[in-house]
Amino acid sequence: MGHHIETEREMKEMKSLEEKTIAKEQIFSGKVIDLYVEDVELPNGKASKREIVKHPGAVAVLAVTDEGKIIMVKQFRKPLERTIVEIPAGKLEKGEDPEYTALRELEEETGYTAKKLTKITAFYTSPGFADEIVHVFLAEELSVLEEKRELDEDEFVEVMEVTLEDALKLVESREVYDAKTAYAIQYLQLKEALQAQK
């Protein structure tokens, strides 16, 4: 009974933090994102504006070979004006199943496919201004495709195979500089550490 009351109280507290949308205007509609400006009423009754990016979501794939190497891609990221190392990733198409997208992106970007695909987690990348969610998968039992799928025409990547030790060094040197990849590498480090304890 006490737990129910606590939950009810928590629900009321959560409700008291909500912002009410008064007006909403679409500013931009693009291939990847839509941008909205919303007039909102704050919990204290005052007015404010929120700039919100709408995104269809994405997938990322931590692909590990039978030898324990991580399949990664090196690519230039224009918003950062630099080349970084990442795990394979890509945007969800409308209504697409994340698991299907994960396998497609792995095949397109690396030339590998996987017999075993396990969802690790999903997280919002920047909840302060965007609703983009990334679904992260672990891909195992890899094999090289006989015929590699084509990359998007505006996509250029270099495929790498690295040990976990080298991947951690890439995080330290900031060649790995994005959250999904850093998360995936640390997940694998923890997974291997836990397996070693058994």
C-alpha atoms as a PDB file:
ATOM      1  CA  MET A   1       0.000   0.000   0.000  1.00  0.00           C
ATOM      2  CA  GLY A   2       2.815   2.372   0.952  1.00  0.00           C
ATOM      3  CA  HIS A   3       4.546   1.708  -2.355  1.00  0.00           C
ATOM      4  CA  HIS A   4       1.339   2.624  -4.221  1.00  0.00           C
ATOM      5  CA  ILE A   5       1.121   5.958  -2.354  1.00  0.00           C
ATOM      6  CA  GLU A   6       4.778   6.659  -3.126  1.00  0.00           C
ATOM      7  CA  THR A   7       4.185   5.911  -6.802  1.00  0.00           C
ATOM      8  CA  GLU A   8       1.108   8.148  -6.832  1.00  0.00           C
ATOM      9  CA  ARG A   9       3.106  10.974  -5.231  1.00  0.00           C
ATOM     10  CA  GLU A  10       5.900  10.507  -7.755  1.00  0.00           C
ATOM     11  CA  MET A  11       3.350  10.662 -10.576  1.00  0.00           C
ATOM     12  CA  LYS A  12       2.004  13.960  -9.245  1.00  0.00           C
ATOM     13  CA  GLU A  13       5.532  15.359  -8.972  1.00  0.00           C
ATOM     14  CA  MET A  14       6.270  14.296 -12.549  1.00  0.00           C
ATOM     15  CA  LYS A  15       3.024  15.901 -13.723  1.00  0.00           C
ATOM     16  CA  SER A  16       3.941  19.137 -11.947  1.00  0.00           C
ATOM     17  CA  LEU A  17       7.102  19.377 -14.101  1.00  0.00           C
ATOM     18  CA  GLU A  18       5.276  19.079 -17.428  1.00  0.00           C
ATOM     19  CA  GLU A  19       5.158  21.878 -19.983  1.00  0.00           C
ATOM     20  CA  LYS A  20       1.935  22.530 -21.872  1.00  0.00           C
ATOM     21  CA  THR A  21       2.176  23.237 -25.620  1.00  0.00           C
ATOM     22  CA  ILE A  22       0.278  26.420 -26.521  1.00  0.00           C
ATOM     23  CA  ALA A  23       1.325  26.729 -30.176  1.00  0.00           C
ATOM     24  CA  LYS A  24       3.541  24.789 -32.573  1.00  0.00           C
ATOM     25  CA  GLU A  25       5.136  25.886 -35.867  1.00  0.00           C
ATOM     26  CA  GLN A  26       7.173  23.807 -38.305  1.00  0.00           C
ATOM     27  CA  ILE A  27      10.203  25.832 -39.398  1.00  0.00           C
ATOM     28  CA  PHE A  28      12.016  23.286 -41.562  1.00  0.00           C
ATOM     29  CA  SER A  29      11.395  19.877 -43.119  1.00  0.00           C
ATOM     30  CA  GLY A  30      14.407  17.986 -44.437  1.00  0.00           C
ATOM     31  CA  LYS A  31      15.628  14.561 -45.507  1.00  0.00           C
ATOM     32  CA  VAL A  32      16.841  13.682 -42.001  1.00  0.00           C
ATOM     33  CA  ILE A  33      15.167  16.085 -39.554  1.00  0.00           C
ATOM     34  CA  ASP A  34      12.185  18.382 -39.046  1.00  0.00           C
ATOM     35  CA  LEU A  35      12.501  21.500 -36.906  1.00  0.00           C
ATOM     36  CA  TYR A  36       9.657  22.922 -34.816  1.00  0.00           C
ATOM     37  CA  VAL A  37       9.327  25.946 -32.554  1.00  0.00           C
ATOM     38  CA  GLU A  38       6.808  25.507 -29.751  1.00  0.00           C
ATOM     39  CA  ASP A  39       5.316  28.098 -27.418  1.00  0.00           C
ATOM     40  CA  VAL A  40       4.964  26.427 -24.031  1.00  0.00           C
ATOM     41  CA  GLU A  41       3.519  27.183 -20.637  1.00  0.00           C
ATOM     42  CA  LEU A  42       6.039  26.347 -17.906  1.00  0.00           C
ATOM     43  CA  PRO A  43       5.075  24.638 -14.607  1.00  0.00           C
ATOM     44  CA  ASN A  44       5.111  28.062 -12.882  1.00  0.00           C
ATOM     45  CA  GLY A  45       2.654  29.479 -15.440  1.00  0.00           C
ATOM     46  CA  LYS A  46       5.207  31.568 -17.346  1.00  0.00           C
ATOM     47  CA  ALA A  47       5.663  31.322 -21.129  1.00  0.00           C
ATOM     48  CA  SER A  48       8.722  30.137 -23.033  1.00  0.00           C
ATOM     49  CA  LYS A  49       9.797  28.818 -26.452  1.00  0.00           C
ATOM     50  CA  ARG A  50      11.295  25.433 -27.288  1.00  0.00           C
ATOM     51  CA  GLU A  51      13.209  24.617 -30.480  1.00  0.00           C
ATOM     52  CA  ILE A  52      12.651  20.927 -31.149  1.00  0.00           C
ATOM     53  CA  VAL A  53      14.286  18.605 -33.673  1.00  0.00           C
ATOM     54  CA  LYS A  54      12.159  15.635 -34.764  1.00  0.00           C
ATOM     55  CA  HIS A  55      14.147  12.611 -35.946  1.00  0.00           C
ATOM     56  CA  PRO A  56      12.935   9.155 -37.081  1.00  0.00           C
ATOM     57  CA  GLY A  57      15.471   7.381 -34.870  1.00  0.00           C
ATOM     58  CA  ALA A  58      18.584   5.375 -35.639  1.00  0.00           C
ATOM     59  CA  VAL A  59      20.418   2.127 -35.000  1.00  0.00           C
ATOM     60  CA  ALA A  60      24.010   1.342 -34.070  1.00  0.00           C
ATOM     61  CA  VAL A  61      25.725  -2.041 -34.285  1.00  0.00           C
ATOM     62  CA  LEU A  62      28.470  -3.395 -32.042  1.00  0.00           C
ATOM     63  CA  ALA A  63      29.718  -6.137 -34.370  1.00  0.00           C
ATOM     64  CA  VAL A  64      32.201  -8.568 -32.811  1.00  0.00           C
ATOM     65  CA  THR A  65      34.051 -11.267 -34.764  1.00  0.00           C
ATOM     66  CA  ASP A  66      34.660 -14.804 -33.464  1.00  0.00           C
ATOM     67  CA  GLU A  67      38.217 -13.639 -32.684  1.00  0.00           C
ATOM     68  CA  GLY A  68      36.853 -10.862 -30.479  1.00  0.00           C
ATOM     69  CA  LYS A  69      37.606  -7.974 -32.834  1.00  0.00           C
ATOM     70  CA  ILE A  70      35.197  -5.050 -33.210  1.00  0.00           C
ATOM     71  CA  ILE A  71      34.140  -4.012 -36.715  1.00  0.00           C
ATOM     72  CA  MET A  72      34.313  -0.216 -36.912  1.00  0.00           C
ATOM     73  CA  VAL A  73      34.096   2.433 -39.602  1.00  0.00           C
ATOM     74  CA  LYS A  74      36.107   5.574 -40.112  1.00  0.00           C
ATOM     75  CA  GLN A  75      34.219   8.451 -41.734  1.00  0.00           C
ATOM     76  CA  PHE A  76      34.217  12.225 -42.086  1.00  0.00           C
ATOM     77  CA  ARG A  77      31.456  13.963 -40.122  1.00  0.00           C
ATOM     78  CA  LYS A  78      30.668  17.375 -41.577  1.00  0.00           C
ATOM     79  CA  PRO A  79      29.054  18.873 -38.418  1.00  0.00           C
ATOM     80  CA  LEU A  80      32.324  18.156 -36.568  1.00  0.00           C
ATOM     81  CA  GLU A  81      34.591  18.973 -39.545  1.00  0.00           C
ATOM     82  CA  ARG A  82      36.691  15.920 -38.751  1.00  0.00           C
ATOM     83  CA  THR A  83      37.038  12.198 -39.359  1.00  0.00           C
ATOM     84  CA  ILE A  84      36.068   9.939 -36.463  1.00  0.00           C
ATOM     85  CA  VAL A  85      35.876   6.205 -35.793  1.00  0.00           C
ATOM     86  CA  GLU A  86      32.423   4.777 -35.046  1.00  0.00           C
ATOM     87  CA  ILE A  87      30.498   1.548 -34.878  1.00  0.00           C
ATOM     88  CA  PRO A  88      28.251   1.057 -37.942  1.00  0.00           C
ATOM     89  CA  ALA A  89      25.048   3.077 -37.651  1.00  0.00           C
ATOM     90  CA  GLY A  90      22.212   4.517 -39.677  1.00  0.00           C
ATOM     91  CA  LYS A  91      18.828   6.169 -39.755  1.00  0.00           C
ATOM     92  CA  LEU A  92      15.559   4.283 -39.409  1.00  0.00           C
ATOM     93  CA  GLU A  93      13.262   4.549 -42.391  1.00  0.00           C
ATOM     94  CA  LYS A  94       9.593   5.244 -41.616  1.00  0.00           C
ATOM     95  CA  GLY A  95       7.929   2.188 -40.068  1.00  0.00           C
ATOM     96  CA  GLU A  96      11.125   0.145 -40.277  1.00  0.00           C
ATOM     97  CA  ASP A  97      11.962  -2.437 -37.618  1.00  0.00           C
ATOM     98  CA  PRO A  98      15.203  -1.444 -35.804  1.00  0.00           C
ATOM     99  CA  GLU A  99      16.575  -5.003 -35.987  1.00  0.00           C
ATOM    100  CA  TYR A 100      16.117  -5.060 -39.777  1.00  0.00           C
ATOM    101  CA  THR A 101      17.785  -1.638 -40.074  1.00  0.00           C
ATOM    102  CA  ALA A 102      20.700  -2.750 -37.887  1.00  0.00           C
ATOM    103  CA  LEU A 103      21.435  -5.744 -40.115  1.00  0.00           C
ATOM    104  CA  ARG A 104      21.072  -3.640 -43.270  1.00  0.00           C
ATOM    105  CA  GLU A 105      23.456  -0.955 -41.998  1.00  0.00           C
ATOM    106  CA  LEU A 106      26.003  -3.559 -40.904  1.00  0.00           C
ATOM    107  CA  GLU A 107      25.906  -5.162 -44.351  1.00  0.00           C
ATOM    108  CA  GLU A 108      26.018  -1.871 -46.272  1.00  0.00           C
ATOM    109  CA  GLU A 109      28.809  -0.248 -44.285  1.00  0.00           C
ATOM    110  CA  THR A 110      31.074  -3.215 -43.564  1.00  0.00           C
ATOM    111  CA  GLY A 111      30.318  -6.091 -45.935  1.00  0.00           C
ATOM    112  CA  TYR A 112      29.602  -8.349 -42.945  1.00  0.00           C
ATOM    113  CA  THR A 113      26.346  -9.990 -41.937  1.00  0.00           C
ATOM    114  CA  ALA A 114      25.387 -11.558 -38.596  1.00  0.00           C
ATOM    115  CA  LYS A 115      23.522 -14.724 -37.617  1.00  0.00           C
ATOM    116  CA  LYS A 116      22.952 -13.428 -34.087  1.00  0.00           C
ATOM    117  CA  LEU A 117      21.626  -9.951 -33.286  1.00  0.00           C
ATOM    118  CA  THR A 118      20.824  -8.931 -29.699  1.00  0.00           C
ATOM    119  CA  LYS A 119      19.421  -5.582 -28.594  1.00  0.00           C
ATOM    120  CA  ILE A 120      21.614  -4.065 -25.872  1.00  0.00           C
ATOM    121  CA  THR A 121      19.815  -0.807 -25.157  1.00  0.00           C
ATOM    122  CA  ALA A 122      18.136   2.278 -26.602  1.00  0.00           C
ATOM    123  CA  PHE A 123      18.753   5.864 -25.544  1.00  0.00           C
ATOM    124  CA  TYR A 124      17.893   9.445 -26.473  1.00  0.00           C
ATOM    125  CA  THR A 125      20.923  11.290 -27.828  1.00  0.00           C
ATOM    126  CA  SER A 126      20.019  14.897 -26.921  1.00  0.00           C
ATOM    127  CA  PRO A 127      16.705  15.101 -25.013  1.00  0.00           C
ATOM    128  CA  GLY A 128      17.143  18.828 -24.409  1.00  0.00           C
ATOM    129  CA  PHE A 129      16.234  19.616 -28.019  1.00  0.00           C
ATOM    130  CA  ALA A 130      15.732  16.412 -30.030  1.00  0.00           C
ATOM    131  CA  ASP A 131      13.664  13.213 -29.886  1.00  0.00           C
ATOM    132  CA  GLU A 132      16.267  11.080 -31.711  1.00  0.00           C
ATOM    133  CA  ILE A 133      16.494   7.610 -30.185  1.00  0.00           C
ATOM    134  CA  VAL A 134      19.322   5.191 -30.982  1.00  0.00           C
ATOM    135  CA  HIS A 135      18.770   1.425 -30.728  1.00  0.00           C
ATOM    136  CA  VAL A 136      22.071  -0.368 -30.044  1.00  0.00           C
ATOM    137  CA  PHE A 137      22.556  -4.001 -31.092  1.00  0.00           C
ATOM    138  CA  LEU A 138      25.264  -6.587 -30.481  1.00  0.00           C
ATOM    139  CA  ALA A 139      26.006  -8.531 -33.680  1.00  0.00           C
ATOM    140  CA  GLU A 140      27.744 -11.908 -33.377  1.00  0.00           C
ATOM    141  CA  GLU A 141      28.484 -14.978 -35.518  1.00  0.00           C
ATOM    142  CA  LEU A 142      29.639 -12.731 -38.347  1.00  0.00           C
ATOM    143  CA  SER A 143      30.447 -13.749 -41.897  1.00  0.00           C
ATOM    144  CA  VAL A 144      31.573 -11.812 -44.952  1.00  0.00           C
ATOM    145  CA  LEU A 145      28.887 -11.263 -47.586  1.00  0.00           C
ATOM    146  CA  GLU A 146      29.598 -12.818 -50.972  1.00  0.00           C
ATOM    147  CA  GLU A 147      28.228  -9.672 -52.585  1.00  0.00           C
ATOM    148  CA  LYS A 148      28.520  -6.439 -50.592  1.00  0.00           C
ATOM    149  CA  ARG A 149      25.455  -4.185 -50.440  1.00  0.00           C
ATOM    150  CA  GLU A 150      25.841  -0.686 -51.839  1.00  0.00           C
ATOM    151  CA  LEU A 151      26.387   2.270 -49.517  1.00  0.00           C
ATOM    152  CA  ASP A 152      24.233   5.375 -49.860  1.00  0.00           C
ATOM    153  CA  GLU A 153      25.605   7.464 -52.737  1.00  0.00           C
ATOM    154  CA  ASP A 154      26.734  10.239 -50.359  1.00  0.00           C
ATOM    155  CA  GLU A 155      28.380   7.869 -47.855  1.00  0.00           C
ATOM    156  CA  PHE A 156      32.109   7.064 -47.790  1.00  0.00           C
ATOM    157  CA  VAL A 157      33.587   4.850 -45.071  1.00  0.00           C
ATOM    158  CA  GLU A 158      36.752   2.922 -44.303  1.00  0.00           C
ATOM    159  CA  VAL A 159      36.221  -0.386 -42.476  1.00  0.00           C
ATOM    160  CA  MET A 160      38.474  -1.319 -39.546  1.00  0.00           C
ATOM    161  CA  GLU A 161      38.832  -4.381 -37.328  1.00  0.00           C
ATOM    162  CA  VAL A 162      40.175  -3.528 -33.875  1.00  0.00           C
ATOM    163  CA  THR A 163      40.742  -5.342 -30.603  1.00  0.00           C
ATOM    164  CA  LEU A 164      38.908  -4.156 -27.499  1.00  0.00           C
ATOM    165  CA  GLU A 165      42.227  -2.859 -26.141  1.00  0.00           C
ATOM    166  CA  ASP A 166      42.802  -0.767 -29.275  1.00  0.00           C
ATOM    167  CA  ALA A 167      39.184   0.441 -29.239  1.00  0.00           C
ATOM    168  CA  LEU A 168      39.678   1.752 -25.685  1.00  0.00           C
ATOM    169  CA  LYS A 169      42.808   3.581 -26.885  1.00  0.00           C
ATOM    170  CA  LEU A 170      40.726   5.171 -29.668  1.00  0.00           C
ATOM    171  CA  VAL A 171      38.336   6.491 -27.003  1.00  0.00           C
ATOM    172  CA  GLU A 172      41.282   7.923 -25.026  1.00  0.00           C
ATOM    173  CA  SER A 173      42.754   9.582 -28.139  1.00  0.00           C
ATOM    174  CA  ARG A 174      39.308  10.951 -29.080  1.00  0.00           C
ATOM    175  CA  GLU A 175      39.321   9.281 -32.466  1.00  0.00           C
ATOM    176  CA  VAL A 176      36.170   7.707 -31.045  1.00  0.00           C
ATOM    177  CA  TYR A 177      34.257  10.822 -30.086  1.00  0.00           C
ATOM    178  CA  ASP A 178      30.557   9.942 -30.122  1.00  0.00           C
ATOM    179  CA  ALA A 179      28.346   8.593 -27.344  1.00  0.00           C
ATOM    180  CA  LYS A 180      26.967   5.477 -29.059  1.00  0.00           C
ATOM    181  CA  THR A 181      30.429   4.141 -29.899  1.00  0.00           C
ATOM    182  CA  ALA A 182      31.961   4.969 -26.511  1.00  0.00           C
ATOM    183  CA  TYR A 183      28.961   3.290 -24.841  1.00  0.00           C
ATOM    184  CA  ALA A 184      29.286   0.171 -27.014  1.00  0.00           C
ATOM    185  CA  ILE A 185      33.011  -0.212 -26.321  1.00  0.00           C
ATOM    186  CA  GLN A 186      32.515   0.178 -22.569  1.00  0.00           C
ATOM    187  CA  TYR A 187      29.599  -2.285 -22.691  1.00  0.00           C
ATOM    188  CA  LEU A 188      31.873  -4.873 -24.314  1.00  0.00           C
ATOM    189  CA  GLN A 189      34.632  -4.178 -21.779  1.00  0.00           C
ATOM    190  CA  LEU A 190      32.199  -4.772 -18.900  1.00  0.00           C
ATOM    191  CA  LYS A 191      30.707  -7.865 -20.573  1.00  0.00           C
ATOM    192  CA  GLU A 192      34.152  -9.434 -20.986  1.00  0.00           C
ATOM    193  CA  ALA A 193      35.151  -8.528 -17.424  1.00  0.00           C
ATOM    194  CA  LEU A 194      32.005 -10.197 -16.046  1.00  0.00           C
ATOM    195  CA  GLN A 195      32.583 -13.302 -18.170  1.00  0.00           C
ATOM    196  CA  ALA A 196      36.168 -13.524 -16.889  1.00  0.00           C
ATOM    197  CA  GLN A 197      34.872 -13.618 -13.301  1.00  0.00           C
ATOM    198  CA  LYS A 198      32.676 -16.668 -13.933  1.00  0.00           C
END
